[in-house]
Full PDB file with SEQRES, HELIX, SHEET, SSBOND, CRYST1, ORIGX, SCALE, CONECT and MASTER records, all heavy atoms in Angstrom:
SEQRES   1 A   37  HIS VAL GLU GLY ASP THR ARG TRP ILE TYR SER ILE MET          
SEQRES   2 A   37  GLU PRO VAL ILE GLU GLY ILE ARG ASP GLY ASP PRO ALA          
SEQRES   3 A   37  CYS VAL GLU LEU GLY VAL GLU PHE ILE GLU SER                  
HELIX    1 AA1 TYR A   10  ARG A   21  1                                  12    
HELIX    2 AA2 PRO A   25  GLU A   36  1                                  12    
SHEET    1 AA1 2 VAL A   2  GLU A   3  0                                        
SHEET    2 AA1 2 THR A   6  ARG A   7 -1                                        
CRYST1    1.000    1.000    1.000  90.00  90.00  90.00 P 1           1          
ORIGX1      1.000000  0.000000  0.000000        0.00000                         
ORIGX2      0.000000  1.000000  0.000000        0.00000                         
ORIGX3      0.000000  0.000000  1.000000        0.00000                         
SCALE1      1.000000  0.000000  0.000000        0.00000                         
SCALE2      0.000000  1.000000  0.000000        0.00000                         
SCALE3      0.000000  0.000000  1.000000        0.00000                         
ATOM      1  N   HIS A   1     193.441 119.304  77.237  1.00  0.00           N  
ATOM      2  CA  HIS A   1     194.743 119.884  76.962  1.00  0.00           C  
ATOM      3  C   HIS A   1     194.538 121.125  76.108  1.00  0.00           C  
ATOM      4  O   HIS A   1     193.746 121.118  75.174  1.00  0.00           O  
ATOM      5  CB  HIS A   1     195.614 118.867  76.222  1.00  0.00           C  
ATOM      6  CG  HIS A   1     196.936 119.390  75.806  1.00  0.00           C  
ATOM      7  ND1 HIS A   1     197.956 119.593  76.701  1.00  0.00           N  
ATOM      8  CD2 HIS A   1     197.410 119.765  74.600  1.00  0.00           C  
ATOM      9  CE1 HIS A   1     199.013 120.064  76.053  1.00  0.00           C  
ATOM     10  NE2 HIS A   1     198.702 120.176  74.777  1.00  0.00           N  
ATOM     11  N   VAL A   2     195.237 122.220  76.418  1.00  0.00           N  
ATOM     12  CA  VAL A   2     195.097 123.467  75.674  1.00  0.00           C  
ATOM     13  C   VAL A   2     196.441 123.858  75.093  1.00  0.00           C  
ATOM     14  O   VAL A   2     197.458 123.860  75.789  1.00  0.00           O  
ATOM     15  CB  VAL A   2     194.574 124.602  76.595  1.00  0.00           C  
ATOM     16  CG1 VAL A   2     194.474 125.907  75.836  1.00  0.00           C  
ATOM     17  CG2 VAL A   2     193.247 124.240  77.207  1.00  0.00           C  
ATOM     18  N   GLU A   3     196.440 124.170  73.796  1.00  0.00           N  
ATOM     19  CA  GLU A   3     197.617 124.708  73.111  1.00  0.00           C  
ATOM     20  C   GLU A   3     197.180 125.965  72.382  1.00  0.00           C  
ATOM     21  O   GLU A   3     196.499 125.883  71.357  1.00  0.00           O  
ATOM     22  CB  GLU A   3     198.180 123.695  72.107  1.00  0.00           C  
ATOM     23  CG  GLU A   3     198.921 122.554  72.733  1.00  0.00           C  
ATOM     24  CD  GLU A   3     199.521 121.621  71.686  1.00  0.00           C  
ATOM     25  OE1 GLU A   3     199.693 122.047  70.517  1.00  0.00           O  
ATOM     26  OE2 GLU A   3     199.813 120.486  72.047  1.00  0.00           O  
ATOM     27  N   GLY A   4     197.545 127.133  72.901  1.00  0.00           N  
ATOM     28  CA  GLY A   4     197.109 128.384  72.294  1.00  0.00           C  
ATOM     29  C   GLY A   4     195.600 128.506  72.391  1.00  0.00           C  
ATOM     30  O   GLY A   4     195.024 128.420  73.463  1.00  0.00           O  
ATOM     31  N   ASP A   5     194.945 128.696  71.228  1.00  0.00           N  
ATOM     32  CA  ASP A   5     193.494 128.807  71.178  1.00  0.00           C  
ATOM     33  C   ASP A   5     192.814 127.461  70.972  1.00  0.00           C  
ATOM     34  O   ASP A   5     191.596 127.381  70.873  1.00  0.00           O  
ATOM     35  CB  ASP A   5     193.079 129.740  70.038  1.00  0.00           C  
ATOM     36  CG  ASP A   5     193.465 131.180  70.314  1.00  0.00           C  
ATOM     37  OD1 ASP A   5     193.652 131.518  71.493  1.00  0.00           O  
ATOM     38  OD2 ASP A   5     193.570 131.958  69.347  1.00  0.00           O  
ATOM     39  N   THR A   6     193.584 126.374  70.887  1.00  0.00           N  
ATOM     40  CA  THR A   6     193.036 125.054  70.608  1.00  0.00           C  
ATOM     41  C   THR A   6     192.886 124.254  71.890  1.00  0.00           C  
ATOM     42  O   THR A   6     193.832 124.136  72.661  1.00  0.00           O  
ATOM     43  CB  THR A   6     193.946 124.280  69.627  1.00  0.00           C  
ATOM     44  OG1 THR A   6     194.106 125.063  68.443  1.00  0.00           O  
ATOM     45  CG2 THR A   6     193.349 122.942  69.271  1.00  0.00           C  
ATOM     46  N   ARG A   7     191.689 123.724  72.091  1.00  0.00           N  
ATOM     47  CA  ARG A   7     191.427 122.852  73.240  1.00  0.00           C  
ATOM     48  C   ARG A   7     191.271 121.429  72.728  1.00  0.00           C  
ATOM     49  O   ARG A   7     190.439 121.162  71.872  1.00  0.00           O  
ATOM     50  CB  ARG A   7     190.154 123.259  73.963  1.00  0.00           C  
ATOM     51  CG  ARG A   7     190.287 124.580  74.636  1.00  0.00           C  
ATOM     52  CD  ARG A   7     189.040 124.919  75.377  1.00  0.00           C  
ATOM     53  NE  ARG A   7     189.233 126.218  76.004  1.00  0.00           N  
ATOM     54  CZ  ARG A   7     188.307 126.868  76.632  1.00  0.00           C  
ATOM     55  NH1 ARG A   7     187.116 126.358  76.735  1.00  0.00           N  
ATOM     56  NH2 ARG A   7     188.559 128.029  77.155  1.00  0.00           N  
ATOM     57  N   TRP A   8     192.064 120.540  73.263  1.00  0.00           N  
ATOM     58  CA  TRP A   8     192.017 119.137  72.876  1.00  0.00           C  
ATOM     59  C   TRP A   8     191.057 118.421  73.807  1.00  0.00           C  
ATOM     60  O   TRP A   8     191.315 118.281  74.998  1.00  0.00           O  
ATOM     61  CB  TRP A   8     193.409 118.519  72.969  1.00  0.00           C  
ATOM     62  CG  TRP A   8     194.380 119.125  72.012  1.00  0.00           C  
ATOM     63  CD1 TRP A   8     194.822 120.416  71.988  1.00  0.00           C  
ATOM     64  CD2 TRP A   8     195.011 118.486  70.913  1.00  0.00           C  
ATOM     65  NE1 TRP A   8     195.697 120.604  70.958  1.00  0.00           N  
ATOM     66  CE2 TRP A   8     195.835 119.429  70.286  1.00  0.00           C  
ATOM     67  CE3 TRP A   8     194.971 117.185  70.412  1.00  0.00           C  
ATOM     68  CZ2 TRP A   8     196.600 119.123  69.172  1.00  0.00           C  
ATOM     69  CZ3 TRP A   8     195.741 116.888  69.303  1.00  0.00           C  
ATOM     70  CH2 TRP A   8     196.537 117.852  68.693  1.00  0.00           C  
ATOM     71  N   ILE A   9     189.942 117.954  73.270  1.00  0.00           N  
ATOM     72  CA  ILE A   9     188.922 117.329  74.096  1.00  0.00           C  
ATOM     73  C   ILE A   9     188.916 115.813  73.965  1.00  0.00           C  
ATOM     74  O   ILE A   9     188.061 115.146  74.531  1.00  0.00           O  
ATOM     75  CB  ILE A   9     187.532 117.890  73.768  1.00  0.00           C  
ATOM     76  CG1 ILE A   9     187.168 117.607  72.317  1.00  0.00           C  
ATOM     77  CG2 ILE A   9     187.473 119.374  74.058  1.00  0.00           C  
ATOM     78  CD1 ILE A   9     185.728 117.892  72.001  1.00  0.00           C  
ATOM     79  N   TYR A  10     189.857 115.284  73.218  1.00  0.00           N  
ATOM     80  CA  TYR A  10     189.885 113.850  72.962  1.00  0.00           C  
ATOM     81  C   TYR A  10     189.823 113.056  74.261  1.00  0.00           C  
ATOM     82  O   TYR A  10     189.048 112.117  74.383  1.00  0.00           O  
ATOM     83  CB  TYR A  10     191.140 113.485  72.171  1.00  0.00           C  
ATOM     84  CG  TYR A  10     191.030 112.176  71.450  1.00  0.00           C  
ATOM     85  CD1 TYR A  10     190.559 112.124  70.154  1.00  0.00           C  
ATOM     86  CD2 TYR A  10     191.383 110.986  72.063  1.00  0.00           C  
ATOM     87  CE1 TYR A  10     190.446 110.922  69.482  1.00  0.00           C  
ATOM     88  CE2 TYR A  10     191.275 109.783  71.407  1.00  0.00           C  
ATOM     89  CZ  TYR A  10     190.807 109.757  70.112  1.00  0.00           C  
ATOM     90  OH  TYR A  10     190.692 108.561  69.465  1.00  0.00           O  
ATOM     91  N   SER A  11     190.611 113.451  75.236  1.00  0.00           N  
ATOM     92  CA  SER A  11     190.654 112.699  76.497  1.00  0.00           C  
ATOM     93  C   SER A  11     189.335 112.776  77.265  1.00  0.00           C  
ATOM     94  O   SER A  11     189.007 111.878  78.035  1.00  0.00           O  
ATOM     95  CB  SER A  11     191.796 113.200  77.377  1.00  0.00           C  
ATOM     96  OG  SER A  11     191.615 114.580  77.661  1.00  0.00           O  
ATOM     97  N   ILE A  12     188.557 113.820  77.051  1.00  0.00           N  
ATOM     98  CA  ILE A  12     187.267 113.953  77.706  1.00  0.00           C  
ATOM     99  C   ILE A  12     186.210 113.118  76.992  1.00  0.00           C  
ATOM    100  O   ILE A  12     185.350 112.501  77.627  1.00  0.00           O  
ATOM    101  CB  ILE A  12     186.822 115.431  77.738  1.00  0.00           C  
ATOM    102  CG1 ILE A  12     187.770 116.232  78.621  1.00  0.00           C  
ATOM    103  CG2 ILE A  12     185.382 115.565  78.208  1.00  0.00           C  
ATOM    104  CD1 ILE A  12     187.549 117.712  78.562  1.00  0.00           C  
ATOM    105  N   MET A  13     186.274 113.073  75.673  1.00  0.00           N  
ATOM    106  CA  MET A  13     185.225 112.402  74.912  1.00  0.00           C  
ATOM    107  C   MET A  13     185.313 110.885  74.980  1.00  0.00           C  
ATOM    108  O   MET A  13     184.297 110.210  74.834  1.00  0.00           O  
ATOM    109  CB  MET A  13     185.241 112.868  73.449  1.00  0.00           C  
ATOM    110  CG  MET A  13     184.763 114.300  73.261  1.00  0.00           C  
ATOM    111  SD  MET A  13     183.157 114.668  74.027  1.00  0.00           S  
ATOM    112  CE  MET A  13     182.073 113.608  73.087  1.00  0.00           C  
ATOM    113  N   GLU A  14     186.485 110.344  75.220  1.00  0.00           N  
ATOM    114  CA  GLU A  14     186.605 108.877  75.322  1.00  0.00           C  
ATOM    115  C   GLU A  14     185.688 108.307  76.408  1.00  0.00           C  
ATOM    116  O   GLU A  14     184.924 107.382  76.131  1.00  0.00           O  
ATOM    117  CB  GLU A  14     188.057 108.473  75.568  1.00  0.00           C  
ATOM    118  CG  GLU A  14     188.934 108.569  74.340  1.00  0.00           C  
ATOM    119  CD  GLU A  14     188.459 107.695  73.198  1.00  0.00           C  
ATOM    120  OE1 GLU A  14     188.080 106.531  73.425  1.00  0.00           O  
ATOM    121  OE2 GLU A  14     188.457 108.190  72.059  1.00  0.00           O  
ATOM    122  N   PRO A  15     185.721 108.833  77.641  1.00  0.00           N  
ATOM    123  CA  PRO A  15     184.796 108.316  78.661  1.00  0.00           C  
ATOM    124  C   PRO A  15     183.332 108.596  78.328  1.00  0.00           C  
ATOM    125  O   PRO A  15     182.452 107.811  78.692  1.00  0.00           O  
ATOM    126  CB  PRO A  15     185.206 109.043  79.940  1.00  0.00           C  
ATOM    127  CG  PRO A  15     186.538 109.624  79.688  1.00  0.00           C  
ATOM    128  CD  PRO A  15     186.681 109.775  78.213  1.00  0.00           C  
ATOM    129  N   VAL A  16     183.056 109.693  77.630  1.00  0.00           N  
ATOM    130  CA  VAL A  16     181.678 109.995  77.232  1.00  0.00           C  
ATOM    131  C   VAL A  16     181.185 108.932  76.254  1.00  0.00           C  
ATOM    132  O   VAL A  16     180.064 108.420  76.382  1.00  0.00           O  
ATOM    133  CB  VAL A  16     181.570 111.415  76.626  1.00  0.00           C  
ATOM    134  CG1 VAL A  16     180.198 111.640  75.993  1.00  0.00           C  
ATOM    135  CG2 VAL A  16     181.850 112.468  77.681  1.00  0.00           C  
ATOM    136  N   ILE A  17     182.013 108.569  75.286  1.00  0.00           N  
ATOM    137  CA  ILE A  17     181.644 107.537  74.312  1.00  0.00           C  
ATOM    138  C   ILE A  17     181.395 106.215  75.026  1.00  0.00           C  
ATOM    139  O   ILE A  17     180.410 105.515  74.746  1.00  0.00           O  
ATOM    140  CB  ILE A  17     182.717 107.414  73.221  1.00  0.00           C  
ATOM    141  CG1 ILE A  17     182.735 108.688  72.357  1.00  0.00           C  
ATOM    142  CG2 ILE A  17     182.491 106.178  72.357  1.00  0.00           C  
ATOM    143  CD1 ILE A  17     183.950 108.814  71.447  1.00  0.00           C  
ATOM    144  N   GLU A  18     182.263 105.866  75.965  1.00  0.00           N  
ATOM    145  CA  GLU A  18     182.058 104.640  76.750  1.00  0.00           C  
ATOM    146  C   GLU A  18     180.766 104.718  77.554  1.00  0.00           C  
ATOM    147  O   GLU A  18     180.027 103.745  77.654  1.00  0.00           O  
ATOM    148  CB  GLU A  18     183.248 104.387  77.678  1.00  0.00           C  
ATOM    149  CG  GLU A  18     184.493 103.936  76.959  1.00  0.00           C  
ATOM    150  CD  GLU A  18     184.287 102.644  76.184  1.00  0.00           C  
ATOM    151  OE1 GLU A  18     183.657 101.704  76.721  1.00  0.00           O  
ATOM    152  OE2 GLU A  18     184.749 102.575  75.037  1.00  0.00           O  
ATOM    153  N   GLY A  19     180.484 105.890  78.121  1.00  0.00           N  
ATOM    154  CA  GLY A  19     179.254 106.080  78.883  1.00  0.00           C  
ATOM    155  C   GLY A  19     178.013 105.935  78.017  1.00  0.00           C  
ATOM    156  O   GLY A  19     177.002 105.379  78.447  1.00  0.00           O  
ATOM    157  N   ILE A  20     178.079 106.431  76.785  1.00  0.00           N  
ATOM    158  CA  ILE A  20     176.961 106.255  75.850  1.00  0.00           C  
ATOM    159  C   ILE A  20     176.738 104.770  75.618  1.00  0.00           C  
ATOM    160  O   ILE A  20     175.608 104.278  75.673  1.00  0.00           O  
ATOM    161  CB  ILE A  20     177.226 106.984  74.519  1.00  0.00           C  
ATOM    162  CG1 ILE A  20     177.250 108.502  74.715  1.00  0.00           C  
ATOM    163  CG2 ILE A  20     176.172 106.592  73.469  1.00  0.00           C  
ATOM    164  CD1 ILE A  20     177.760 109.278  73.521  1.00  0.00           C  
ATOM    165  N   ARG A  21     177.821 104.048  75.380  1.00  0.00           N  
ATOM    166  CA  ARG A  21     177.715 102.598  75.151  1.00  0.00           C  
ATOM    167  C   ARG A  21     177.142 101.865  76.365  1.00  0.00           C  
ATOM    168  O   ARG A  21     176.454 100.864  76.221  1.00  0.00           O  
ATOM    169  CB  ARG A  21     179.084 102.025  74.801  1.00  0.00           C  
ATOM    170  CG  ARG A  21     179.561 102.438  73.433  1.00  0.00           C  
ATOM    171  CD  ARG A  21     180.879 101.771  73.101  1.00  0.00           C  
ATOM    172  NE  ARG A  21     181.384 102.275  71.850  1.00  0.00           N  
ATOM    173  CZ  ARG A  21     182.638 102.604  71.626  1.00  0.00           C  
ATOM    174  NH1 ARG A  21     183.550 102.455  72.580  1.00  0.00           N  
ATOM    175  NH2 ARG A  21     183.024 103.065  70.451  1.00  0.00           N  
ATOM    176  N   ASP A  22     177.444 102.397  77.551  1.00  0.00           N  
ATOM    177  CA  ASP A  22     176.951 101.780  78.789  1.00  0.00           C  
ATOM    178  C   ASP A  22     175.540 102.240  79.158  1.00  0.00           C  
ATOM    179  O   ASP A  22     174.992 101.794  80.166  1.00  0.00           O  
ATOM    180  CB  ASP A  22     177.902 102.086  79.954  1.00  0.00           C  
ATOM    181  CG  ASP A  22     179.250 101.401  79.797  1.00  0.00           C  
ATOM    182  OD1 ASP A  22     179.352 100.429  79.015  1.00  0.00           O  
ATOM    183  OD2 ASP A  22     180.216 101.848  80.453  1.00  0.00           O  
ATOM    184  N   GLY A  23     174.987 103.160  78.384  1.00  0.00           N  
ATOM    185  CA  GLY A  23     173.623 103.621  78.631  1.00  0.00           C  
ATOM    186  C   GLY A  23     173.489 104.744  79.631  1.00  0.00           C  
ATOM    187  O   GLY A  23     172.389 104.989  80.132  1.00  0.00           O  
ATOM    188  N   ASP A  24     174.554 105.448  79.932  1.00  0.00           N  
ATOM    189  CA  ASP A  24     174.506 106.559  80.880  1.00  0.00           C  
ATOM    190  C   ASP A  24     173.748 107.741  80.254  1.00  0.00           C  
ATOM    191  O   ASP A  24     174.177 108.272  79.224  1.00  0.00           O  
ATOM    192  CB  ASP A  24     175.930 106.981  81.247  1.00  0.00           C  
ATOM    193  CG  ASP A  24     175.969 108.088  82.277  1.00  0.00           C  
ATOM    194  OD1 ASP A  24     175.240 109.093  82.120  1.00  0.00           O  
ATOM    195  OD2 ASP A  24     176.746 107.963  83.236  1.00  0.00           O  
ATOM    196  N   PRO A  25     172.606 108.155  80.841  1.00  0.00           N  
ATOM    197  CA  PRO A  25     171.812 109.244  80.247  1.00  0.00           C  
ATOM    198  C   PRO A  25     172.573 110.564  80.116  1.00  0.00           C  
ATOM    199  O   PRO A  25     172.363 111.300  79.150  1.00  0.00           O  
ATOM    200  CB  PRO A  25     170.631 109.401  81.209  1.00  0.00           C  
ATOM    201  CG  PRO A  25     170.603 108.159  82.023  1.00  0.00           C  
ATOM    202  CD  PRO A  25     171.994 107.605  82.039  1.00  0.00           C  
ATOM    203  N   ALA A  26     173.433 110.875  81.083  1.00  0.00           N  
ATOM    204  CA  ALA A  26     174.197 112.119  80.998  1.00  0.00           C  
ATOM    205  C   ALA A  26     175.165 112.077  79.818  1.00  0.00           C  
ATOM    206  O   ALA A  26     175.353 113.073  79.111  1.00  0.00           O  
ATOM    207  CB  ALA A  26     174.961 112.364  82.300  1.00  0.00           C  
ATOM    208  N   CYS A  27     175.771 110.931  79.584  1.00  0.00           N  
ATOM    209  CA  CYS A  27     176.696 110.787  78.457  1.00  0.00           C  
ATOM    210  C   CYS A  27     175.947 110.844  77.130  1.00  0.00           C  
ATOM    211  O   CYS A  27     176.449 111.411  76.157  1.00  0.00           O  
ATOM    212  CB  CYS A  27     177.490 109.489  78.575  1.00  0.00           C  
ATOM    213  SG  CYS A  27     178.695 109.534  79.918  1.00  0.00           S  
ATOM    214  N   VAL A  28     174.742 110.284  77.087  1.00  0.00           N  
ATOM    215  CA  VAL A  28     173.928 110.371  75.875  1.00  0.00           C  
ATOM    216  C   VAL A  28     173.631 111.839  75.582  1.00  0.00           C  
ATOM    217  O   VAL A  28     173.767 112.288  74.435  1.00  0.00           O  
ATOM    218  CB  VAL A  28     172.629 109.547  76.012  1.00  0.00           C  
ATOM    219  CG1 VAL A  28     171.676 109.827  74.853  1.00  0.00           C  
ATOM    220  CG2 VAL A  28     172.950 108.058  76.084  1.00  0.00           C  
ATOM    221  N   GLU A  29     173.259 112.594  76.609  1.00  0.00           N  
ATOM    222  CA  GLU A  29     172.994 114.027  76.426  1.00  0.00           C  
ATOM    223  C   GLU A  29     174.235 114.748  75.907  1.00  0.00           C  
ATOM    224  O   GLU A  29     174.152 115.560  74.983  1.00  0.00           O  
ATOM    225  CB  GLU A  29     172.514 114.657  77.736  1.00  0.00           C  
ATOM    226  CG  GLU A  29     172.327 116.160  77.681  1.00  0.00           C  
ATOM    227  CD  GLU A  29     171.239 116.631  76.714  1.00  0.00           C  
ATOM    228  OE1 GLU A  29     170.305 115.865  76.430  1.00  0.00           O  
ATOM    229  OE2 GLU A  29     171.339 117.782  76.241  1.00  0.00           O  
ATOM    230  N   LEU A  30     175.391 114.469  76.503  1.00  0.00           N  
ATOM    231  CA  LEU A  30     176.636 115.089  76.030  1.00  0.00           C  
ATOM    232  C   LEU A  30     176.934 114.699  74.589  1.00  0.00           C  
ATOM    233  O   LEU A  30     177.403 115.521  73.790  1.00  0.00           O  
ATOM    234  CB  LEU A  30     177.807 114.695  76.928  1.00  0.00           C  
ATOM    235  CG  LEU A  30     177.832 115.335  78.312  1.00  0.00           C  
ATOM    236  CD1 LEU A  30     178.919 114.702  79.172  1.00  0.00           C  
ATOM    237  CD2 LEU A  30     178.034 116.837  78.201  1.00  0.00           C  
ATOM    238  N   GLY A  31     176.653 113.455  74.226  1.00  0.00           N  
ATOM    239  CA  GLY A  31     176.869 113.005  72.857  1.00  0.00           C  
ATOM    240  C   GLY A  31     175.988 113.744  71.865  1.00  0.00           C  
ATOM    241  O   GLY A  31     176.443 114.164  70.800  1.00  0.00           O  
ATOM    242  N   VAL A  32     174.725 113.923  72.224  1.00  0.00           N  
ATOM    243  CA  VAL A  32     173.811 114.668  71.354  1.00  0.00           C  
ATOM    244  C   VAL A  32     174.290 116.112  71.217  1.00  0.00           C  
ATOM    245  O   VAL A  32     174.335 116.658  70.108  1.00  0.00           O  
ATOM    246  CB  VAL A  32     172.360 114.600  71.888  1.00  0.00           C  
ATOM    247  CG1 VAL A  32     171.441 115.536  71.110  1.00  0.00           C  
ATOM    248  CG2 VAL A  32     171.846 113.165  71.820  1.00  0.00           C  
ATOM    249  N   GLU A  33     174.693 116.728  72.314  1.00  0.00           N  
ATOM    250  CA  GLU A  33     175.213 118.098  72.270  1.00  0.00           C  
ATOM    251  C   GLU A  33     176.470 118.175  71.403  1.00  0.00           C  
ATOM    252  O   GLU A  33     176.678 119.152  70.682  1.00  0.00           O  
ATOM    253  CB  GLU A  33     175.508 118.604  73.676  1.00  0.00           C  
ATOM    254  CG  GLU A  33     174.268 118.917  74.472  1.00  0.00           C  
ATOM    255  CD  GLU A  33     174.571 119.402  75.877  1.00  0.00           C  
ATOM    256  OE1 GLU A  33     175.756 119.697  76.194  1.00  0.00           O  
ATOM    257  OE2 GLU A  33     173.623 119.500  76.681  1.00  0.00           O  
ATOM    258  N   PHE A  34     177.295 117.156  71.471  1.00  0.00           N  
ATOM    259  CA  PHE A  34     178.520 117.137  70.676  1.00  0.00           C  
ATOM    260  C   PHE A  34     178.185 117.064  69.183  1.00  0.00           C  
ATOM    261  O   PHE A  34     178.806 117.752  68.374  1.00  0.00           O  
ATOM    262  CB  PHE A  34     179.399 115.964  71.104  1.00  0.00           C  
ATOM    263  CG  PHE A  34     180.780 115.986  70.517  1.00  0.00           C  
ATOM    264  CD1 PHE A  34     181.672 116.991  70.859  1.00  0.00           C  
ATOM    265  CD2 PHE A  34     181.186 115.012  69.639  1.00  0.00           C  
ATOM    266  CE1 PHE A  34     182.954 117.013  70.326  1.00  0.00           C  
ATOM    267  CE2 PHE A  34     182.467 115.021  69.103  1.00  0.00           C  
ATOM    268  CZ  PHE A  34     183.347 116.027  69.448  1.00  0.00           C  
ATOM    269  N   ILE A  35     177.204 116.260  68.819  1.00  0.00           N  
ATOM    270  CA  ILE A  35     176.780 116.187  67.418  1.00  0.00           C  
ATOM    271  C   ILE A  35     176.208 117.537  66.979  1.00  0.00           C  
ATOM    272  O   ILE A  35     176.431 117.978  65.851  1.00  0.00           O  
ATOM    273  CB  ILE A  35     175.736 115.061  67.205  1.00  0.00           C  
ATOM    274  CG1 ILE A  35     176.330 113.691  67.508  1.00  0.00           C  
ATOM    275  CG2 ILE A  35     175.146 115.112  65.788  1.00  0.00           C  
ATOM    276  CD1 ILE A  35     177.426 113.222  66.595  1.00  0.00           C  
ATOM    277  N   GLU A  36     175.502 118.196  67.866  1.00  0.00           N  
ATOM    278  CA  GLU A  36     174.920 119.503  67.546  1.00  0.00           C  
ATOM    279  C   GLU A  36     175.972 120.603  67.437  1.00  0.00           C  
ATOM    280  O   GLU A  36     175.725 121.624  66.795  1.00  0.00           O  
ATOM    281  CB  GLU A  36     173.909 119.907  68.616  1.00  0.00           C  
ATOM    282  CG  GLU A  36     172.643 119.089  68.621  1.00  0.00           C  
ATOM    283  CD  GLU A  36     171.722 119.453  69.761  1.00  0.00           C  
ATOM    284  OE1 GLU A  36     172.200 119.713  70.887  1.00  0.00           O  
ATOM    285  OE2 GLU A  36     170.501 119.458  69.523  1.00  0.00           O  
ATOM    286  N   SER A  37     177.119 120.404  68.039  1.00  0.00           N  
ATOM    287  CA  SER A  37     178.136 121.463  68.062  1.00  0.00           C  
ATOM    288  C   SER A  37     178.687 121.701  66.661  1.00  0.00           C  
ATOM    289  O   SER A  37     178.789 120.793  65.847  1.00  0.00           O  
ATOM    290  CB  SER A  37     179.271 121.102  69.014  1.00  0.00           C  
ATOM    291  OG  SER A  37     180.040 120.037  68.497  1.00  0.00           O  
TER     292      SER A  37                                                      
MASTER        0    0    0    2    2    0    0    6  291    1    0    3          
END                                                                             
């Protein structure tokens, strides 16, 4: 969701967090990138 210059990523990160818990390597990579951001 975008409001002005703000992008709301909450809805995207929920499935990524679940994917990390499920052991999905792509989600783990996204999680590491998110921590690095």
